[in-house]
Amino acid sequence: MSCLTTTSGVRLVPAPARPGPDGQPVERVGIWADDDPVTRRGPVVLSTDEVAVALAHCGEAPSKWGYRLLDDTARKTLAGVAAVGRGELARLVERWRVGNELEIWPAGYQTKCLRQADELARKAHRGPRLN
């Protein structure tokens, strides 16, 4: 399994896709860092929707163009997972799928966060040659 390590030591690994609520495959990525208290023991596997919601709750607003660097996006994803918690993150994604977006996207960053989540997963699935 190929692992992509960012400049600050966050590791990304592709995870097998799983069927979503509509039956379509959902892309997933494993993410962890040795210095992160939440992921110290191993990767947290997140769907791209969970990455987007974690980014929305990381505590820092994206710039006009989103988070420009993969390392920045990965660190903010870990911060969002730590801030919200893994179980709450899954619950928020389920609520988003039902249609209550106000709590999910507190600052209105839905498009930017979804775009960044797709980019993070795409780079993780392409492997270490991007580093």
C-alpha atoms as a PDB file:
ATOM      1  CA  MET A   1       0.000   0.000   0.000  1.00  0.00           C
ATOM      2  CA  SER A   2       1.463   3.356  -0.964  1.00  0.00           C
ATOM      3  CA  CYS A   3       1.618   6.110   1.626  1.00  0.00           C
ATOM      4  CA  LEU A   4       1.990   9.796   0.864  1.00  0.00           C
ATOM      5  CA  THR A   5       3.749  11.794   3.600  1.00  0.00           C
ATOM      6  CA  THR A   6       3.385  15.578   3.623  1.00  0.00           C
ATOM      7  CA  THR A   7       6.217  17.918   4.603  1.00  0.00           C
ATOM      8  CA  SER A   8       4.969  18.153   8.201  1.00  0.00           C
ATOM      9  CA  GLY A   9       4.651  14.384   8.626  1.00  0.00           C
ATOM     10  CA  VAL A  10       0.945  13.815   7.991  1.00  0.00           C
ATOM     11  CA  ARG A  11       0.492  10.525   6.188  1.00  0.00           C
ATOM     12  CA  LEU A  12      -2.241   9.788   3.666  1.00  0.00           C
ATOM     13  CA  VAL A  13      -3.086   6.341   2.402  1.00  0.00           C
ATOM     14  CA  PRO A  14      -5.812   5.284  -0.029  1.00  0.00           C
ATOM     15  CA  ALA A  15      -8.636   3.279   1.517  1.00  0.00           C
ATOM     16  CA  PRO A  16     -11.030   1.000  -0.350  1.00  0.00           C
ATOM     17  CA  ALA A  17     -14.230   2.662  -1.508  1.00  0.00           C
ATOM     18  CA  ARG A  18     -17.480   1.679   0.193  1.00  0.00           C
ATOM     19  CA  PRO A  19     -21.019   2.013  -1.111  1.00  0.00           C
ATOM     20  CA  GLY A  20     -22.742   5.199   0.010  1.00  0.00           C
ATOM     21  CA  PRO A  21     -26.423   5.609   0.895  1.00  0.00           C
ATOM     22  CA  ASP A  22     -27.305   5.804  -2.796  1.00  0.00           C
ATOM     23  CA  GLY A  23     -25.292   2.676  -3.650  1.00  0.00           C
ATOM     24  CA  GLN A  24     -22.534   4.598  -5.435  1.00  0.00           C
ATOM     25  CA  PRO A  25     -18.934   4.037  -4.272  1.00  0.00           C
ATOM     26  CA  VAL A  26     -17.623   6.645  -1.829  1.00  0.00           C
ATOM     27  CA  GLU A  27     -13.911   7.472  -2.024  1.00  0.00           C
ATOM     28  CA  ARG A  28     -12.107   7.205   1.316  1.00  0.00           C
ATOM     29  CA  VAL A  29      -8.674   8.076   2.651  1.00  0.00           C
ATOM     30  CA  GLY A  30      -6.697   7.097   5.743  1.00  0.00           C
ATOM     31  CA  ILE A  31      -4.977  10.011   7.485  1.00  0.00           C
ATOM     32  CA  TRP A  32      -2.688  10.160  10.515  1.00  0.00           C
ATOM     33  CA  ALA A  33       0.314  11.861  12.090  1.00  0.00           C
ATOM     34  CA  ASP A  34       2.610  10.624  14.852  1.00  0.00           C
ATOM     35  CA  ASP A  35       2.353  13.938  16.712  1.00  0.00           C
ATOM     36  CA  ASP A  36      -1.470  14.107  16.546  1.00  0.00           C
ATOM     37  CA  PRO A  37      -3.211  12.867  19.730  1.00  0.00           C
ATOM     38  CA  VAL A  38      -6.269  11.566  17.849  1.00  0.00           C
ATOM     39  CA  THR A  39      -4.366   9.539  15.258  1.00  0.00           C
ATOM     40  CA  ARG A  40      -1.185   8.610  17.140  1.00  0.00           C
ATOM     41  CA  ARG A  41      -1.974   4.870  17.050  1.00  0.00           C
ATOM     42  CA  GLY A  42      -2.943   4.642  13.396  1.00  0.00           C
ATOM     43  CA  PRO A  43      -4.989   6.127  10.606  1.00  0.00           C
ATOM     44  CA  VAL A  44      -8.509   7.418  10.815  1.00  0.00           C
ATOM     45  CA  VAL A  45     -10.343   6.399   7.651  1.00  0.00           C
ATOM     46  CA  LEU A  46     -12.593   9.178   6.373  1.00  0.00           C
ATOM     47  CA  SER A  47     -14.866   9.555   3.383  1.00  0.00           C
ATOM     48  CA  THR A  48     -14.452  12.671   1.283  1.00  0.00           C
ATOM     49  CA  ASP A  49     -17.662  14.024   2.861  1.00  0.00           C
ATOM     50  CA  GLU A  50     -16.180  13.506   6.335  1.00  0.00           C
ATOM     51  CA  VAL A  51     -12.976  15.276   5.278  1.00  0.00           C
ATOM     52  CA  ALA A  52     -15.052  18.222   4.013  1.00  0.00           C
ATOM     53  CA  VAL A  53     -17.035  18.466   7.261  1.00  0.00           C
ATOM     54  CA  ALA A  54     -13.807  18.186   9.303  1.00  0.00           C
ATOM     55  CA  LEU A  55     -12.348  21.071   7.277  1.00  0.00           C
ATOM     56  CA  ALA A  56     -15.466  23.147   7.946  1.00  0.00           C
ATOM     57  CA  HIS A  57     -14.995  22.624  11.698  1.00  0.00           C
ATOM     58  CA  CYS A  58     -11.195  22.970  11.908  1.00  0.00           C
ATOM     59  CA  GLY A  59     -11.398  26.451  13.413  1.00  0.00           C
ATOM     60  CA  GLU A  60      -9.843  28.368  10.534  1.00  0.00           C
ATOM     61  CA  ALA A  61     -11.586  29.830   7.526  1.00  0.00           C
ATOM     62  CA  PRO A  62     -10.311  28.881   4.085  1.00  0.00           C
ATOM     63  CA  SER A  63      -8.914  31.662   1.941  1.00  0.00           C
ATOM     64  CA  LYS A  64     -10.614  32.829  -1.222  1.00  0.00           C
ATOM     65  CA  TRP A  65      -9.126  29.836  -3.074  1.00  0.00           C
ATOM     66  CA  GLY A  66      -9.374  27.304  -0.250  1.00  0.00           C
ATOM     67  CA  TYR A  67      -6.368  25.702   1.409  1.00  0.00           C
ATOM     68  CA  ARG A  68      -3.588  25.919  -1.147  1.00  0.00           C
ATOM     69  CA  LEU A  69      -1.185  23.264   0.117  1.00  0.00           C
ATOM     70  CA  LEU A  70      -1.823  19.570   0.662  1.00  0.00           C
ATOM     71  CA  ASP A  71       0.012  19.787   3.991  1.00  0.00           C
ATOM     72  CA  ASP A  72      -2.263  22.614   5.159  1.00  0.00           C
ATOM     73  CA  THR A  73      -5.380  20.697   4.126  1.00  0.00           C
ATOM     74  CA  ALA A  74      -4.183  17.523   5.866  1.00  0.00           C
ATOM     75  CA  ARG A  75      -3.350  19.353   9.131  1.00  0.00           C
ATOM     76  CA  LYS A  76      -6.701  21.165   9.106  1.00  0.00           C
ATOM     77  CA  THR A  77      -8.492  17.853   8.518  1.00  0.00           C
ATOM     78  CA  LEU A  78      -6.807  16.407  11.620  1.00  0.00           C
ATOM     79  CA  ALA A  79      -7.710  19.564  13.577  1.00  0.00           C
ATOM     80  CA  GLY A  80     -11.341  19.205  12.503  1.00  0.00           C
ATOM     81  CA  VAL A  81     -11.444  15.541  13.548  1.00  0.00           C
ATOM     82  CA  ALA A  82      -9.958  16.496  16.933  1.00  0.00           C
ATOM     83  CA  ALA A  83     -12.400  19.395  17.389  1.00  0.00           C
ATOM     84  CA  VAL A  84     -15.559  17.524  16.445  1.00  0.00           C
ATOM     85  CA  GLY A  85     -14.714  13.922  17.328  1.00  0.00           C
ATOM     86  CA  ARG A  86     -14.939  10.895  15.063  1.00  0.00           C
ATOM     87  CA  GLY A  87     -18.466   9.852  16.107  1.00  0.00           C
ATOM     88  CA  GLU A  88     -19.872  13.357  15.864  1.00  0.00           C
ATOM     89  CA  LEU A  89     -18.234  13.770  12.463  1.00  0.00           C
ATOM     90  CA  ALA A  90     -20.117  10.713  11.149  1.00  0.00           C
ATOM     91  CA  ARG A  91     -23.358  12.038  12.683  1.00  0.00           C
ATOM     92  CA  LEU A  92     -22.910  15.437  11.032  1.00  0.00           C
ATOM     93  CA  VAL A  93     -22.360  13.806   7.633  1.00  0.00           C
ATOM     94  CA  GLU A  94     -25.570  11.799   8.090  1.00  0.00           C
ATOM     95  CA  ARG A  95     -27.486  14.976   9.000  1.00  0.00           C
ATOM     96  CA  TRP A  96     -26.056  16.676   5.928  1.00  0.00           C
ATOM     97  CA  ARG A  97     -27.298  13.820   3.751  1.00  0.00           C
ATOM     98  CA  VAL A  98     -30.783  14.255   5.226  1.00  0.00           C
ATOM     99  CA  GLY A  99     -30.717  17.948   4.349  1.00  0.00           C
ATOM    100  CA  ASN A 100     -29.944  20.011   7.472  1.00  0.00           C
ATOM    101  CA  GLU A 101     -26.926  22.000   6.268  1.00  0.00           C
ATOM    102  CA  LEU A 102     -26.964  24.871   8.783  1.00  0.00           C
ATOM    103  CA  GLU A 103     -25.228  22.954  11.554  1.00  0.00           C
ATOM    104  CA  ILE A 104     -22.891  21.149   9.178  1.00  0.00           C
ATOM    105  CA  TRP A 105     -21.441  24.186   7.423  1.00  0.00           C
ATOM    106  CA  PRO A 106     -21.276  26.798  10.205  1.00  0.00           C
ATOM    107  CA  ALA A 107     -19.459  29.408   8.159  1.00  0.00           C
ATOM    108  CA  GLY A 108     -20.832  28.632   4.704  1.00  0.00           C
ATOM    109  CA  TYR A 109     -17.679  27.031   3.304  1.00  0.00           C
ATOM    110  CA  GLN A 110     -19.410  24.058   1.702  1.00  0.00           C
ATOM    111  CA  THR A 111     -18.052  24.389  -1.850  1.00  0.00           C
ATOM    112  CA  LYS A 112     -14.470  25.142  -0.774  1.00  0.00           C
ATOM    113  CA  CYS A 113     -14.400  22.326   1.771  1.00  0.00           C
ATOM    114  CA  LEU A 114     -15.836  19.780  -0.665  1.00  0.00           C
ATOM    115  CA  ARG A 115     -13.315  20.796  -3.320  1.00  0.00           C
ATOM    116  CA  GLN A 116     -10.412  20.476  -0.858  1.00  0.00           C
ATOM    117  CA  ALA A 117     -11.659  17.075   0.340  1.00  0.00           C
ATOM    118  CA  ASP A 118     -11.760  15.778  -3.237  1.00  0.00           C
ATOM    119  CA  GLU A 119      -8.239  17.098  -3.847  1.00  0.00           C
ATOM    120  CA  LEU A 120      -6.897  15.443  -0.667  1.00  0.00           C
ATOM    121  CA  ALA A 121      -8.424  12.079  -1.600  1.00  0.00           C
ATOM    122  CA  ARG A 122      -7.215  12.350  -5.198  1.00  0.00           C
ATOM    123  CA  LYS A 123      -3.636  12.985  -4.087  1.00  0.00           C
ATOM    124  CA  ALA A 124      -3.755  10.164  -1.536  1.00  0.00           C
ATOM    125  CA  HIS A 125      -4.913   7.731  -4.204  1.00  0.00           C
ATOM    126  CA  ARG A 126      -2.193   8.837  -6.644  1.00  0.00           C
ATOM    127  CA  GLY A 127       0.533   7.889  -4.174  1.00  0.00           C
ATOM    128  CA  PRO A 128       3.935   9.013  -2.953  1.00  0.00           C
ATOM    129  CA  ARG A 129       5.250  10.266  -6.284  1.00  0.00           C
ATOM    130  CA  LEU A 130       3.536  13.604  -5.538  1.00  0.00           C
ATOM    131  CA  ASN A 131       5.659  14.294  -2.484  1.00  0.00           C
END
